[in-house]
Amino acid sequence: MGMEHISDHDLERYHLGMVVDEAELAPLEEHLLACPECVERAEQTAVYVDTLRAAIIAGNFDLE
């Protein structure tokens, strides 16, 4: 029985380099090696996080 799929929250944390504890990082990376579905989601998450980060930096918010 393998690890459950990685949550969106953990994919975001992984992309941002916030998963630093080896006990959490190792199984996450092992799962990504074996699960094309989570790799695809990780790539989508990376685009989302980077787009959000760029928008925050740009600061062009239309709050109306």
PDB file of N, CA and C in Angstrom:
ATOM      1  N   MET A   1       0.847  -1.191   0.000  1.00  0.00           N
ATOM      2  CA  MET A   1       0.000   0.000   0.000  1.00  0.00           C
ATOM      3  C   MET A   1       0.885   1.244   0.000  1.00  0.00           C
ATOM      4  N   GLY A   2       0.692   2.114  -0.981  1.00  0.00           N
ATOM      5  CA  GLY A   2       1.533   3.301  -1.103  1.00  0.00           C
ATOM      6  C   GLY A   2       0.946   4.507  -0.388  1.00  0.00           C
ATOM      7  N   MET A   3       1.703   5.557  -0.455  1.00  0.00           N
ATOM      8  CA  MET A   3       1.294   6.818   0.137  1.00  0.00           C
ATOM      9  C   MET A   3       0.098   7.386  -0.630  1.00  0.00           C
ATOM     10  N   GLU A   4      -0.809   8.047   0.095  1.00  0.00           N
ATOM     11  CA  GLU A   4      -1.900   8.728  -0.578  1.00  0.00           C
ATOM     12  C   GLU A   4      -1.332   9.851  -1.438  1.00  0.00           C
ATOM     13  N   HIS A   5      -2.140  10.330  -2.384  1.00  0.00           N
ATOM     14  CA  HIS A   5      -1.683  11.428  -3.229  1.00  0.00           C
ATOM     15  C   HIS A   5      -1.344  12.648  -2.373  1.00  0.00           C
ATOM     16  N   ILE A   6      -0.449  13.466  -2.869  1.00  0.00           N
ATOM     17  CA  ILE A   6       0.029  14.646  -2.149  1.00  0.00           C
ATOM     18  C   ILE A   6      -1.039  15.737  -2.226  1.00  0.00           C
ATOM     19  N   SER A   7      -1.299  16.393  -1.114  1.00  0.00           N
ATOM     20  CA  SER A   7      -2.308  17.451  -1.090  1.00  0.00           C
ATOM     21  C   SER A   7      -1.825  18.679  -1.859  1.00  0.00           C
ATOM     22  N   ASP A   8      -2.773  19.482  -2.341  1.00  0.00           N
ATOM     23  CA  ASP A   8      -2.413  20.725  -3.029  1.00  0.00           C
ATOM     24  C   ASP A   8      -1.568  21.611  -2.117  1.00  0.00           C
ATOM     25  N   HIS A   9      -1.946  21.664  -0.844  1.00  0.00           N
ATOM     26  CA  HIS A   9      -1.211  22.491   0.119  1.00  0.00           C
ATOM     27  C   HIS A   9       0.255  22.043   0.207  1.00  0.00           C
ATOM     28  N   ASP A  10       0.473  20.735   0.292  1.00  0.00           N
ATOM     29  CA  ASP A  10       1.842  20.234   0.396  1.00  0.00           C
ATOM     30  C   ASP A  10       2.615  20.427  -0.913  1.00  0.00           C
ATOM     31  N   LEU A  11       1.910  20.344  -2.061  1.00  0.00           N
ATOM     32  CA  LEU A  11       2.584  20.632  -3.331  1.00  0.00           C
ATOM     33  C   LEU A  11       3.037  22.088  -3.371  1.00  0.00           C
ATOM     34  N   GLU A  12       2.206  22.990  -2.867  1.00  0.00           N
ATOM     35  CA  GLU A  12       2.582  24.412  -2.805  1.00  0.00           C
ATOM     36  C   GLU A  12       3.785  24.601  -1.889  1.00  0.00           C
ATOM     37  N   ARG A  13       3.739  23.989  -0.711  1.00  0.00           N
ATOM     38  CA  ARG A  13       4.851  24.095   0.243  1.00  0.00           C
ATOM     39  C   ARG A  13       6.136  23.535  -0.359  1.00  0.00           C
ATOM     40  N   TYR A  14       6.021  22.415  -1.081  1.00  0.00           N
ATOM     41  CA  TYR A  14       7.189  21.790  -1.713  1.00  0.00           C
ATOM     42  C   TYR A  14       7.786  22.727  -2.754  1.00  0.00           C
ATOM     43  N   HIS A  15       6.944  23.307  -3.601  1.00  0.00           N
ATOM     44  CA  HIS A  15       7.434  24.215  -4.644  1.00  0.00           C
ATOM     45  C   HIS A  15       8.125  25.439  -4.046  1.00  0.00           C
ATOM     46  N   LEU A  16       7.605  25.919  -2.935  1.00  0.00           N
ATOM     47  CA  LEU A  16       8.170  27.109  -2.285  1.00  0.00           C
ATOM     48  C   LEU A  16       9.399  26.786  -1.432  1.00  0.00           C
ATOM     49  N   GLY A  17       9.788  25.511  -1.373  1.00  0.00           N
ATOM     50  CA  GLY A  17      10.965  25.120  -0.593  1.00  0.00           C
ATOM     51  C   GLY A  17      10.715  25.111   0.899  1.00  0.00           C
ATOM     52  N   MET A  18       9.451  24.961   1.288  1.00  0.00           N
ATOM     53  CA  MET A  18       9.097  25.000   2.708  1.00  0.00           C
ATOM     54  C   MET A  18       9.099  23.614   3.351  1.00  0.00           C
ATOM     55  N   VAL A  19       9.267  22.564   2.549  1.00  0.00           N
ATOM     56  CA  VAL A  19       9.354  21.208   3.103  1.00  0.00           C
ATOM     57  C   VAL A  19      10.835  20.907   3.289  1.00  0.00           C
ATOM     58  N   VAL A  20      11.314  21.047   4.513  1.00  0.00           N
ATOM     59  CA  VAL A  20      12.747  20.903   4.780  1.00  0.00           C
ATOM     60  C   VAL A  20      13.074  19.708   5.671  1.00  0.00           C
ATOM     61  N   ASP A  21      12.084  19.205   6.390  1.00  0.00           N
ATOM     62  CA  ASP A  21      12.298  18.058   7.264  1.00  0.00           C
ATOM     63  C   ASP A  21      12.418  16.794   6.412  1.00  0.00           C
ATOM     64  N   GLU A  22      13.543  16.112   6.516  1.00  0.00           N
ATOM     65  CA  GLU A  22      13.796  14.921   5.700  1.00  0.00           C
ATOM     66  C   GLU A  22      12.717  13.858   5.874  1.00  0.00           C
ATOM     67  N   ALA A  23      12.148  13.761   7.080  1.00  0.00           N
ATOM     68  CA  ALA A  23      11.101  12.760   7.333  1.00  0.00           C
ATOM     69  C   ALA A  23       9.846  13.051   6.508  1.00  0.00           C
ATOM     70  N   GLU A  24       9.619  14.309   6.173  1.00  0.00           N
ATOM     71  CA  GLU A  24       8.485  14.675   5.322  1.00  0.00           C
ATOM     72  C   GLU A  24       8.906  14.725   3.854  1.00  0.00           C
ATOM     73  N   LEU A  25      10.110  15.225   3.606  1.00  0.00           N
ATOM     74  CA  LEU A  25      10.584  15.439   2.235  1.00  0.00           C
ATOM     75  C   LEU A  25      10.822  14.123   1.490  1.00  0.00           C
ATOM     76  N   ALA A  26      11.455  13.164   2.125  1.00  0.00           N
ATOM     77  CA  ALA A  26      11.811  11.913   1.448  1.00  0.00           C
ATOM     78  C   ALA A  26      10.585  11.175   0.894  1.00  0.00           C
ATOM     79  N   PRO A  27       9.538  10.932   1.712  1.00  0.00           N
ATOM     80  CA  PRO A  27       8.382  10.222   1.151  1.00  0.00           C
ATOM     81  C   PRO A  27       7.662  11.035   0.069  1.00  0.00           C
ATOM     82  N   LEU A  28       7.673  12.349   0.191  1.00  0.00           N
ATOM     83  CA  LEU A  28       7.046  13.201  -0.806  1.00  0.00           C
ATOM     84  C   LEU A  28       7.772  13.062  -2.144  1.00  0.00           C
ATOM     85  N   GLU A  29       9.087  13.138  -2.115  1.00  0.00           N
ATOM     86  CA  GLU A  29       9.869  13.007  -3.347  1.00  0.00           C
ATOM     87  C   GLU A  29       9.787  11.595  -3.920  1.00  0.00           C
ATOM     88  N   GLU A  30       9.751  10.585  -3.048  1.00  0.00           N
ATOM     89  CA  GLU A  30       9.594   9.211  -3.530  1.00  0.00           C
ATOM     90  C   GLU A  30       8.251   9.049  -4.230  1.00  0.00           C
ATOM     91  N   HIS A  31       7.201   9.648  -3.677  1.00  0.00           N
ATOM     92  CA  HIS A  31       5.874   9.577  -4.294  1.00  0.00           C
ATOM     93  C   HIS A  31       5.889  10.252  -5.664  1.00  0.00           C
ATOM     94  N   LEU A  32       6.554  11.400  -5.754  1.00  0.00           N
ATOM     95  CA  LEU A  32       6.622  12.105  -7.044  1.00  0.00           C
ATOM     96  C   LEU A  32       7.359  11.274  -8.096  1.00  0.00           C
ATOM     97  N   LEU A  33       8.328  10.475  -7.677  1.00  0.00           N
ATOM     98  CA  LEU A  33       9.047   9.612  -8.620  1.00  0.00           C
ATOM     99  C   LEU A  33       8.146   8.517  -9.183  1.00  0.00           C
ATOM    100  N   ALA A  34       7.131   8.125  -8.411  1.00  0.00           N
ATOM    101  CA  ALA A  34       6.304   6.977  -8.790  1.00  0.00           C
ATOM    102  C   ALA A  34       4.913   7.366  -9.289  1.00  0.00           C
ATOM    103  N   CYS A  35       4.553   8.633  -9.200  1.00  0.00           N
ATOM    104  CA  CYS A  35       3.168   9.022  -9.473  1.00  0.00           C
ATOM    105  C   CYS A  35       3.077  10.144 -10.507  1.00  0.00           C
ATOM    106  N   PRO A  36       2.847   9.788 -11.769  1.00  0.00           N
ATOM    107  CA  PRO A  36       2.730  10.808 -12.817  1.00  0.00           C
ATOM    108  C   PRO A  36       1.595  11.803 -12.556  1.00  0.00           C
ATOM    109  N   GLU A  37       0.533  11.332 -11.908  1.00  0.00           N
ATOM    110  CA  GLU A  37      -0.597  12.223 -11.609  1.00  0.00           C
ATOM    111  C   GLU A  37      -0.163  13.358 -10.682  1.00  0.00           C
ATOM    112  N   CYS A  38       0.590  13.036  -9.650  1.00  0.00           N
ATOM    113  CA  CYS A  38       1.044  14.076  -8.718  1.00  0.00           C
ATOM    114  C   CYS A  38       2.113  14.961  -9.360  1.00  0.00           C
ATOM    115  N   VAL A  39       2.922  14.404 -10.259  1.00  0.00           N
ATOM    116  CA  VAL A  39       3.905  15.224 -10.976  1.00  0.00           C
ATOM    117  C   VAL A  39       3.175  16.279 -11.813  1.00  0.00           C
ATOM    118  N   GLU A  40       2.121  15.862 -12.510  1.00  0.00           N
ATOM    119  CA  GLU A  40       1.320  16.796 -13.305  1.00  0.00           C
ATOM    120  C   GLU A  40       0.712  17.877 -12.411  1.00  0.00           C
ATOM    121  N   ARG A  41       0.167  17.470 -11.269  1.00  0.00           N
ATOM    122  CA  ARG A  41      -0.411  18.431 -10.335  1.00  0.00           C
ATOM    123  C   ARG A  41       0.665  19.346  -9.769  1.00  0.00           C
ATOM    124  N   ALA A  42       1.863  18.808  -9.525  1.00  0.00           N
ATOM    125  CA  ALA A  42       2.968  19.623  -9.008  1.00  0.00           C
ATOM    126  C   ALA A  42       3.353  20.692 -10.024  1.00  0.00           C
ATOM    127  N   GLU A  43       3.363  20.327 -11.307  1.00  0.00           N
ATOM    128  CA  GLU A  43       3.691  21.300 -12.352  1.00  0.00           C
ATOM    129  C   GLU A  43       2.616  22.391 -12.431  1.00  0.00           C
ATOM    130  N   GLN A  44       1.351  21.990 -12.347  1.00  0.00           N
ATOM    131  CA  GLN A  44       0.256  22.971 -12.361  1.00  0.00           C
ATOM    132  C   GLN A  44       0.331  23.888 -11.138  1.00  0.00           C
ATOM    133  N   THR A  45       0.659  23.294  -9.993  1.00  0.00           N
ATOM    134  CA  THR A  45       0.796  24.072  -8.762  1.00  0.00           C
ATOM    135  C   THR A  45       1.927  25.082  -8.883  1.00  0.00           C
ATOM    136  N   ALA A  46       3.039  24.671  -9.489  1.00  0.00           N
ATOM    137  CA  ALA A  46       4.185  25.568  -9.653  1.00  0.00           C
ATOM    138  C   ALA A  46       3.794  26.783 -10.489  1.00  0.00           C
ATOM    139  N   VAL A  47       3.057  26.558 -11.578  1.00  0.00           N
ATOM    140  CA  VAL A  47       2.615  27.668 -12.428  1.00  0.00           C
ATOM    141  C   VAL A  47       1.691  28.597 -11.643  1.00  0.00           C
ATOM    142  N   TYR A  48       0.747  28.011 -10.901  1.00  0.00           N
ATOM    143  CA  TYR A  48      -0.197  28.790 -10.097  1.00  0.00           C
ATOM    144  C   TYR A  48       0.537  29.633  -9.046  1.00  0.00           C
ATOM    145  N   VAL A  49       1.437  29.005  -8.301  1.00  0.00           N
ATOM    146  CA  VAL A  49       2.163  29.702  -7.242  1.00  0.00           C
ATOM    147  C   VAL A  49       3.033  30.823  -7.829  1.00  0.00           C
ATOM    148  N   ASP A  50       3.725  30.540  -8.935  1.00  0.00           N
ATOM    149  CA  ASP A  50       4.581  31.553  -9.548  1.00  0.00           C
ATOM    150  C   ASP A  50       3.770  32.713 -10.114  1.00  0.00           C
ATOM    151  N   THR A  51       2.593  32.411 -10.684  1.00  0.00           N
ATOM    152  CA  THR A  51       1.710  33.461 -11.201  1.00  0.00           C
ATOM    153  C   THR A  51       1.203  34.332 -10.058  1.00  0.00           C
ATOM    154  N   LEU A  52       0.800  33.697  -8.966  1.00  0.00           N
ATOM    155  CA  LEU A  52       0.320  34.429  -7.799  1.00  0.00           C
ATOM    156  C   LEU A  52       1.430  35.300  -7.213  1.00  0.00           C
ATOM    157  N   ARG A  53       2.630  34.736  -7.123  1.00  0.00           N
ATOM    158  CA  ARG A  53       3.779  35.476  -6.589  1.00  0.00           C
ATOM    159  C   ARG A  53       4.086  36.690  -7.476  1.00  0.00           C
ATOM    160  N   ALA A  54       4.056  36.505  -8.791  1.00  0.00           N
ATOM    161  CA  ALA A  54       4.326  37.609  -9.724  1.00  0.00           C
ATOM    162  C   ALA A  54       3.264  38.695  -9.588  1.00  0.00           C
ATOM    163  N   ALA A  55       1.999  38.295  -9.416  1.00  0.00           N
ATOM    164  CA  ALA A  55       0.917  39.268  -9.260  1.00  0.00           C
ATOM    165  C   ALA A  55       1.088  40.076  -7.976  1.00  0.00           C
ATOM    166  N   ILE A  56       1.499  39.404  -6.909  1.00  0.00           N
ATOM    167  CA  ILE A  56       1.713  40.101  -5.635  1.00  0.00           C
ATOM    168  C   ILE A  56       2.857  41.102  -5.778  1.00  0.00           C
ATOM    169  N   ILE A  57       3.918  40.694  -6.447  1.00  0.00           N
ATOM    170  CA  ILE A  57       5.067  41.588  -6.641  1.00  0.00           C
ATOM    171  C   ILE A  57       4.675  42.785  -7.505  1.00  0.00           C
ATOM    172  N   ALA A  58       3.911  42.539  -8.574  1.00  0.00           N
ATOM    173  CA  ALA A  58       3.482  43.609  -9.463  1.00  0.00           C
ATOM    174  C   ALA A  58       2.541  44.590  -8.733  1.00  0.00           C
ATOM    175  N   GLY A  59       1.698  44.009  -7.870  1.00  0.00           N
ATOM    176  CA  GLY A  59       0.814  44.841  -7.061  1.00  0.00           C
ATOM    177  C   GLY A  59      -0.300  45.511  -7.825  1.00  0.00           C
ATOM    178  N   ASN A  60      -0.606  45.035  -9.020  1.00  0.00           N
ATOM    179  CA  ASN A  60      -1.679  45.649  -9.803  1.00  0.00           C
ATOM    180  C   ASN A  60      -3.014  44.982  -9.452  1.00  0.00           C
ATOM    181  N   PHE A  61      -3.549  45.336  -8.289  1.00  0.00           N
ATOM    182  CA  PHE A  61      -4.782  44.733  -7.830  1.00  0.00           C
ATOM    183  C   PHE A  61      -5.957  45.642  -8.152  1.00  0.00           C
ATOM    184  N   ASP A  62      -6.961  45.092  -8.785  1.00  0.00           N
ATOM    185  CA  ASP A  62      -8.215  45.803  -9.024  1.00  0.00           C
ATOM    186  C   ASP A  62      -9.193  45.304  -7.986  1.00  0.00           C
ATOM    187  N   LEU A  63      -9.350  46.051  -6.921  1.00  0.00           N
ATOM    188  CA  LEU A  63     -10.141  45.587  -5.788  1.00  0.00           C
ATOM    189  C   LEU A  63     -11.582  46.071  -5.821  1.00  0.00           C
ATOM    190  N   GLU A  64     -12.007  46.648  -6.912  1.00  0.00           N
ATOM    191  CA  GLU A  64     -13.405  47.137  -7.006  1.00  0.00           C
ATOM    192  C   GLU A  64     -14.363  46.000  -7.293  1.00  0.00           C
TER     193      GLU A  64
END
